[in-house]
Amino acid sequence: MPAEGINFLNSDKLLTISELCKLSEVLVGQGIDKIRITGGEPFVRKDLMILLRHLSGLTDLKDVSITTNATLIGPHIDELKQLGIQNINLSLDAIQRETFNTITRRDQYDTVFENLQRLISEEFNLRINFIVLEGQNIDDILPMMELQRNHPLSVRFLEEMPFNGGSRHFEAISWNYKKILNYIGEHFPDYDQLPSPPTSTSINYKIKGHKGSFGLIPSFSRTFCGSCNRLRISASGDIITCLYGQPVLNLRDLLRNQNEKLAVQEAILEAIGNRAKTGFEAQNQNKSVFETSMTSIGG
């Protein structure tokens, strides 16, 4: 989120929960078997649990996952467990209080870490997503590694991406995934690479004697483009086949026409069929890509 914030859409521009339920049914009917709810922060929507209850009841949907900053998830942890929603990605770019407060610009350290401990104790499949920010949180990398030493969770270090609403531009990064791994390896040299599914965006490792694991996500280097099978749909209905590309088309009006289920299906197939081969190709086609913020296109 840029420091000055972003302009939020009017509520009538956002897909309603019922429209998201309808869209989810269409996607699952086309073979999608995993849906991740991201943000911004998903739990800002007070009716989010209605959607999650609906998703948990779709028999052909194998996995419902959530990406959250853990500020608002607390009251819902018990029901999430009851629904069988076990896979949680926690966006956490700092573990030391001072760094956390500087990066987030919010006094919510205690809330986040209380919810983190609850998610650990309730045995959720927890992954911590830590964006490595040069000059901001490098000193938190090793303390963050202690989480996976002591708990059965995964800490994943992401390369920085320039989706910050145009507040900062860059064409290269110093802390790419190779440098991050070298830095960790200087302190924890006894690691082995773990096997990962072919469509995984992360390269995962296990350190002998540690309860958890750690991973690297080359989100700026984009080494995983050849196997990426992800489809992103924004809160306003934009279909985005690559983070680095522009929206292909919008589903909102189609979803609001009660008789257009087939048109929604065809629009999704068309979008997938025309996707760029790599994130670099998508970026070349979308010169204004970095004017957007990750808060509006989803983590």
Protein backbone atom coordinates (compact mmCIF):
# COMPACT_ATOMS: atom_id res chain seq x y z
CA MET A 1 0.00 0.00 0.00
CA PRO A 2 1.50 3.37 -0.96
CA ALA A 3 1.99 5.70 2.02
CA GLU A 4 -0.63 8.12 0.65
CA GLY A 5 -3.15 5.26 0.24
CA ILE A 6 -5.17 4.43 -2.87
CA ASN A 7 -8.51 5.51 -4.27
CA PHE A 8 -11.05 2.85 -3.31
CA LEU A 9 -13.73 1.86 -5.80
CA ASN A 10 -17.40 2.58 -5.18
CA SER A 11 -19.15 -0.47 -3.76
CA ASP A 12 -21.28 -0.91 -6.90
CA LYS A 13 -18.07 -1.47 -8.89
CA LEU A 14 -17.09 -4.41 -6.70
CA LEU A 15 -18.35 -7.92 -7.20
CA THR A 16 -20.89 -8.84 -4.52
CA ILE A 17 -20.46 -11.97 -2.44
CA SER A 18 -23.28 -13.65 -4.38
CA GLU A 19 -21.53 -12.75 -7.65
CA LEU A 20 -18.26 -14.17 -6.33
CA CYS A 21 -20.11 -17.36 -5.36
CA LYS A 22 -21.59 -17.57 -8.86
CA LEU A 23 -18.20 -16.97 -10.45
CA SER A 24 -16.59 -19.62 -8.26
CA GLU A 25 -19.16 -22.17 -9.40
CA VAL A 26 -18.37 -21.35 -13.04
CA LEU A 27 -14.62 -21.70 -12.45
CA VAL A 28 -14.95 -24.98 -10.58
CA GLY A 29 -17.22 -26.22 -13.35
CA GLN A 30 -14.39 -25.52 -15.80
CA GLY A 31 -11.91 -27.60 -13.81
CA ILE A 32 -10.43 -25.14 -11.32
CA ASP A 33 -9.78 -27.12 -8.12
CA LYS A 34 -7.99 -24.50 -6.01
CA ILE A 35 -9.16 -21.01 -5.12
CA ARG A 36 -7.14 -18.55 -3.06
CA ILE A 37 -8.77 -15.47 -1.56
CA THR A 38 -6.30 -12.56 -1.43
CA GLY A 39 -6.41 -8.79 -1.07
CA GLY A 40 -5.59 -6.11 0.11
CA GLU A 41 -6.81 -7.76 3.24
CA PRO A 42 -9.70 -10.15 2.55
CA PHE A 43 -11.25 -9.85 6.00
CA VAL A 44 -11.91 -6.15 5.43
CA ARG A 45 -15.04 -7.47 3.75
CA LYS A 46 -17.37 -8.17 6.66
CA ASP A 47 -19.33 -10.74 4.63
CA LEU A 48 -16.27 -12.71 3.54
CA MET A 49 -17.22 -15.75 5.63
CA ILE A 50 -20.37 -16.18 3.52
CA LEU A 51 -18.16 -16.72 0.48
CA LEU A 52 -15.81 -19.04 2.36
CA ARG A 53 -18.72 -21.15 3.60
CA HIS A 54 -19.98 -21.44 0.03
CA LEU A 55 -16.57 -22.41 -1.31
CA SER A 56 -16.09 -25.06 1.36
CA GLY A 57 -19.31 -26.69 0.15
CA LEU A 58 -18.23 -27.06 -3.50
CA THR A 59 -17.46 -30.76 -3.79
CA ASP A 60 -15.07 -30.49 -6.76
CA LEU A 61 -13.02 -27.75 -5.11
CA LYS A 62 -10.06 -29.44 -3.43
CA ASP A 63 -8.41 -26.45 -1.78
CA VAL A 64 -9.61 -23.11 -0.42
CA SER A 65 -6.71 -20.91 0.69
CA ILE A 66 -6.43 -17.42 2.15
CA THR A 67 -3.71 -14.78 2.02
CA THR A 68 -3.99 -12.40 4.97
CA ASN A 69 -2.00 -9.90 7.03
CA ALA A 70 -3.53 -11.46 10.21
CA THR A 71 -4.94 -8.20 11.56
CA LEU A 72 -8.60 -9.22 11.27
CA ILE A 73 -8.55 -13.01 11.04
CA GLY A 74 -8.70 -13.65 14.81
CA PRO A 75 -12.50 -13.88 15.29
CA HIS A 76 -12.77 -16.30 12.36
CA ILE A 77 -10.01 -18.81 13.15
CA ASP A 78 -12.32 -21.32 14.84
CA GLU A 79 -14.83 -21.34 11.98
CA LEU A 80 -12.10 -21.56 9.34
CA LYS A 81 -10.88 -24.73 11.03
CA GLN A 82 -14.42 -26.12 11.15
CA LEU A 83 -14.84 -25.42 7.43
CA GLY A 84 -11.63 -27.28 6.67
CA ILE A 85 -9.85 -24.18 5.37
CA GLN A 86 -6.36 -25.02 6.55
CA ASN A 87 -4.03 -23.30 4.09
CA ILE A 88 -3.14 -19.78 5.21
CA ASN A 89 -0.51 -17.49 3.71
CA LEU A 90 0.43 -14.77 6.18
CA SER A 91 1.96 -11.65 4.62
CA LEU A 92 4.58 -10.59 7.15
CA ASP A 93 7.56 -8.49 6.07
CA ALA A 94 9.06 -8.08 9.56
CA ILE A 95 9.29 -9.97 12.82
CA GLN A 96 10.92 -7.31 14.98
CA ARG A 97 8.49 -4.78 16.39
CA GLU A 98 10.34 -1.65 15.26
CA THR A 99 10.73 -2.93 11.69
CA PHE A 100 7.11 -4.05 11.62
CA ASN A 101 5.82 -0.65 12.73
CA THR A 102 8.02 1.17 10.20
CA ILE A 103 6.96 -0.98 7.25
CA THR A 104 3.25 -1.29 8.01
CA ARG A 105 2.79 2.20 9.48
CA ARG A 106 0.26 0.64 11.86
CA ASP A 107 0.38 -0.22 15.55
CA GLN A 108 -0.88 -3.80 15.16
CA TYR A 109 2.18 -5.86 16.03
CA ASP A 110 0.59 -7.51 19.08
CA THR A 111 -2.59 -8.42 17.19
CA VAL A 112 -0.71 -9.95 14.28
CA PHE A 113 1.61 -12.03 16.42
CA GLU A 114 -1.17 -13.19 18.70
CA ASN A 115 -3.05 -14.45 15.64
CA LEU A 116 0.15 -15.98 14.28
CA GLN A 117 0.57 -17.97 17.48
CA ARG A 118 -3.07 -19.09 17.33
CA LEU A 119 -2.71 -20.29 13.75
CA ILE A 120 0.41 -22.24 14.77
CA SER A 121 -1.24 -23.78 17.85
CA GLU A 122 -4.35 -24.73 15.84
CA GLU A 123 -2.07 -26.53 13.37
CA PHE A 124 -3.00 -24.64 10.22
CA ASN A 125 -0.83 -25.22 7.17
CA LEU A 126 0.89 -21.88 7.54
CA ARG A 127 3.21 -20.12 5.11
CA ILE A 128 4.80 -16.79 5.96
CA ASN A 129 5.38 -14.54 2.93
CA PHE A 130 8.25 -12.11 3.55
CA ILE A 131 9.11 -9.58 0.82
CA VAL A 132 12.81 -8.73 1.03
CA LEU A 133 13.07 -4.94 0.94
CA GLU A 134 16.57 -3.52 0.59
CA GLY A 135 17.38 -1.05 3.35
CA GLN A 136 14.22 -1.87 5.30
CA ASN A 137 13.97 -5.43 6.62
CA ILE A 138 17.23 -7.24 5.83
CA ASP A 139 17.99 -7.52 9.54
CA ASP A 140 14.71 -9.42 9.99
CA ILE A 141 15.60 -12.27 7.62
CA LEU A 142 17.53 -14.35 10.15
CA PRO A 143 15.07 -13.73 13.05
CA MET A 144 12.31 -14.79 10.65
CA MET A 145 14.21 -18.00 9.95
CA GLU A 146 13.86 -18.84 13.64
CA LEU A 147 10.11 -19.27 13.08
CA GLN A 148 10.67 -22.22 10.77
CA ARG A 149 13.40 -23.59 13.05
CA ASN A 150 10.96 -23.85 15.94
CA HIS A 151 7.60 -24.43 14.23
CA PRO A 152 6.28 -26.67 11.41
CA LEU A 153 5.63 -23.85 8.95
CA SER A 154 7.23 -22.45 5.83
CA VAL A 155 8.86 -19.03 5.59
CA ARG A 156 9.03 -17.87 1.99
CA PHE A 157 11.18 -14.95 0.92
CA LEU A 158 9.86 -13.01 -2.09
CA GLU A 159 11.73 -10.71 -4.40
CA GLU A 160 10.40 -7.17 -4.36
CA MET A 161 8.04 -6.23 -7.18
CA PRO A 162 7.38 -2.62 -8.26
CA PHE A 163 3.60 -2.76 -7.72
CA ASN A 164 3.42 0.18 -5.34
CA GLY A 165 1.00 2.51 -7.08
CA GLY A 166 3.78 4.25 -8.97
CA SER A 167 5.40 5.60 -5.81
CA ARG A 168 8.78 4.03 -6.70
CA HIS A 169 10.18 2.80 -10.01
CA PHE A 170 12.99 0.32 -10.57
CA GLU A 171 14.18 -1.92 -13.38
CA ALA A 172 16.40 -4.18 -11.29
CA ILE A 173 16.73 -5.39 -7.71
CA SER A 174 19.78 -6.10 -5.59
CA TRP A 175 18.17 -8.75 -3.38
CA ASN A 176 17.16 -11.31 -5.98
CA TYR A 177 16.42 -14.92 -5.02
CA LYS A 178 20.03 -16.01 -5.51
CA LYS A 179 21.36 -13.35 -3.17
CA ILE A 180 18.71 -14.18 -0.57
CA LEU A 181 19.67 -17.86 -0.69
CA ASN A 182 23.38 -17.04 -0.42
CA TYR A 183 22.68 -14.83 2.59
CA ILE A 184 20.68 -17.54 4.33
CA GLY A 185 23.25 -20.17 3.35
CA GLU A 186 26.04 -18.21 5.06
CA HIS A 187 24.22 -18.74 8.36
CA PHE A 188 22.42 -22.04 7.67
CA PRO A 189 24.65 -23.96 5.23
CA ASP A 190 23.16 -27.39 5.93
CA TYR A 191 20.07 -27.21 3.71
CA ASP A 192 18.59 -29.46 1.03
CA GLN A 193 16.20 -28.54 -1.77
CA LEU A 194 12.76 -30.09 -1.49
CA PRO A 195 10.74 -31.45 -4.42
CA SER A 196 8.00 -29.04 -5.56
CA PRO A 197 5.00 -29.44 -7.85
CA PRO A 198 5.74 -28.42 -11.45
CA THR A 199 3.41 -25.39 -11.16
CA SER A 200 4.94 -24.12 -7.91
CA THR A 201 6.13 -20.52 -7.80
CA SER A 202 8.50 -21.24 -4.90
CA ILE A 203 11.83 -23.06 -4.62
CA ASN A 204 11.73 -24.81 -1.24
CA TYR A 205 14.42 -25.96 1.16
CA LYS A 206 14.75 -27.90 4.41
CA ILE A 207 17.45 -27.37 7.03
CA LYS A 208 18.41 -30.42 9.04
CA GLY A 209 17.05 -30.25 12.56
CA HIS A 210 14.49 -27.52 11.79
CA LYS A 211 10.78 -28.24 12.23
CA GLY A 212 9.71 -26.20 9.19
CA SER A 213 11.13 -25.18 5.84
CA PHE A 214 11.94 -22.07 3.86
CA GLY A 215 11.43 -21.07 0.28
CA LEU A 216 12.27 -18.45 -2.32
CA ILE A 217 9.80 -16.91 -4.76
CA PRO A 218 11.51 -15.26 -7.77
CA SER A 219 8.60 -12.90 -8.33
CA PHE A 220 10.75 -10.28 -10.10
CA SER A 221 13.15 -12.69 -11.83
CA ARG A 222 10.11 -14.68 -13.03
CA THR A 223 11.81 -18.06 -13.42
CA PHE A 224 8.51 -19.94 -13.07
CA CYS A 225 6.58 -18.38 -15.98
CA GLY A 226 6.79 -21.49 -18.17
CA SER A 227 4.78 -23.56 -15.70
CA CYS A 228 2.48 -20.92 -14.18
CA ASN A 229 -1.17 -22.00 -14.26
CA ARG A 230 -2.71 -19.17 -12.24
CA LEU A 231 -5.73 -17.09 -13.13
CA ARG A 232 -6.37 -13.89 -11.16
CA ILE A 233 -9.73 -12.14 -10.91
CA SER A 234 -9.85 -8.80 -9.12
CA ALA A 235 -12.53 -7.61 -6.73
CA SER A 236 -14.01 -5.53 -9.54
CA GLY A 237 -14.16 -8.46 -11.99
CA ASP A 238 -11.01 -7.88 -14.05
CA ILE A 239 -9.42 -11.05 -15.45
CA ILE A 240 -5.63 -10.87 -15.03
CA THR A 241 -3.60 -13.74 -16.47
CA CYS A 242 -0.25 -12.31 -15.32
CA LEU A 243 0.64 -9.85 -12.57
CA TYR A 244 2.82 -7.99 -15.03
CA GLY A 245 0.07 -7.70 -17.63
CA GLN A 246 -2.98 -5.51 -17.90
CA PRO A 247 -6.50 -6.86 -17.31
CA VAL A 248 -7.72 -8.81 -20.31
CA LEU A 249 -11.43 -8.09 -19.83
CA ASN A 250 -14.01 -7.57 -17.10
CA LEU A 251 -16.63 -10.09 -15.98
CA ARG A 252 -18.79 -7.81 -13.83
CA ASP A 253 -21.50 -7.02 -16.37
CA LEU A 254 -21.65 -10.61 -17.58
CA LEU A 255 -22.08 -11.88 -14.01
CA ARG A 256 -24.88 -9.38 -13.45
CA ASN A 257 -26.82 -10.75 -16.41
CA GLN A 258 -28.65 -13.81 -15.04
CA ASN A 259 -28.57 -15.60 -18.40
CA GLU A 260 -24.91 -15.16 -19.29
CA LYS A 261 -23.23 -18.13 -17.60
CA LEU A 262 -22.01 -19.45 -20.96
CA ALA A 263 -20.63 -16.00 -21.85
CA VAL A 264 -18.67 -15.96 -18.57
CA GLN A 265 -17.23 -19.38 -19.37
CA GLU A 266 -16.24 -18.30 -22.87
CA ALA A 267 -14.67 -15.07 -21.61
CA ILE A 268 -12.50 -16.99 -19.16
CA LEU A 269 -11.34 -19.43 -21.84
CA GLU A 270 -10.58 -16.57 -24.22
CA ALA A 271 -8.49 -14.81 -21.58
CA ILE A 272 -6.47 -17.94 -20.86
CA GLY A 273 -5.99 -18.64 -24.55
CA ASN A 274 -4.51 -15.19 -25.16
CA ARG A 275 -2.20 -15.00 -22.16
CA ALA A 276 1.38 -13.87 -22.56
CA LYS A 277 4.05 -16.58 -22.58
CA THR A 278 6.11 -14.91 -19.83
CA GLY A 279 5.90 -12.08 -17.37
CA PHE A 280 8.47 -10.19 -19.41
CA GLU A 281 6.31 -10.40 -22.52
CA ALA A 282 3.29 -9.27 -20.49
CA GLN A 283 5.28 -6.31 -19.13
CA ASN A 284 6.32 -5.26 -22.63
CA GLN A 285 2.66 -5.22 -23.64
CA ASN A 286 1.67 -3.15 -20.60
CA LYS A 287 3.88 -0.09 -20.22
CA SER A 288 1.83 1.31 -17.31
CA VAL A 289 1.88 -1.92 -15.31
CA PHE A 290 3.84 -0.44 -12.39
CA GLU A 291 1.35 2.38 -11.85
CA THR A 292 -0.93 -0.12 -10.10
CA SER A 293 -0.77 -1.25 -6.49
CA MET A 294 -0.66 -4.84 -5.25
CA THR A 295 -3.56 -3.90 -2.97
CA SER A 296 -5.84 -3.64 -5.98
CA ILE A 297 -4.62 -6.60 -8.04
CA GLY A 298 -4.17 -9.13 -5.26
CA GLY A 299 -1.12 -10.56 -3.50
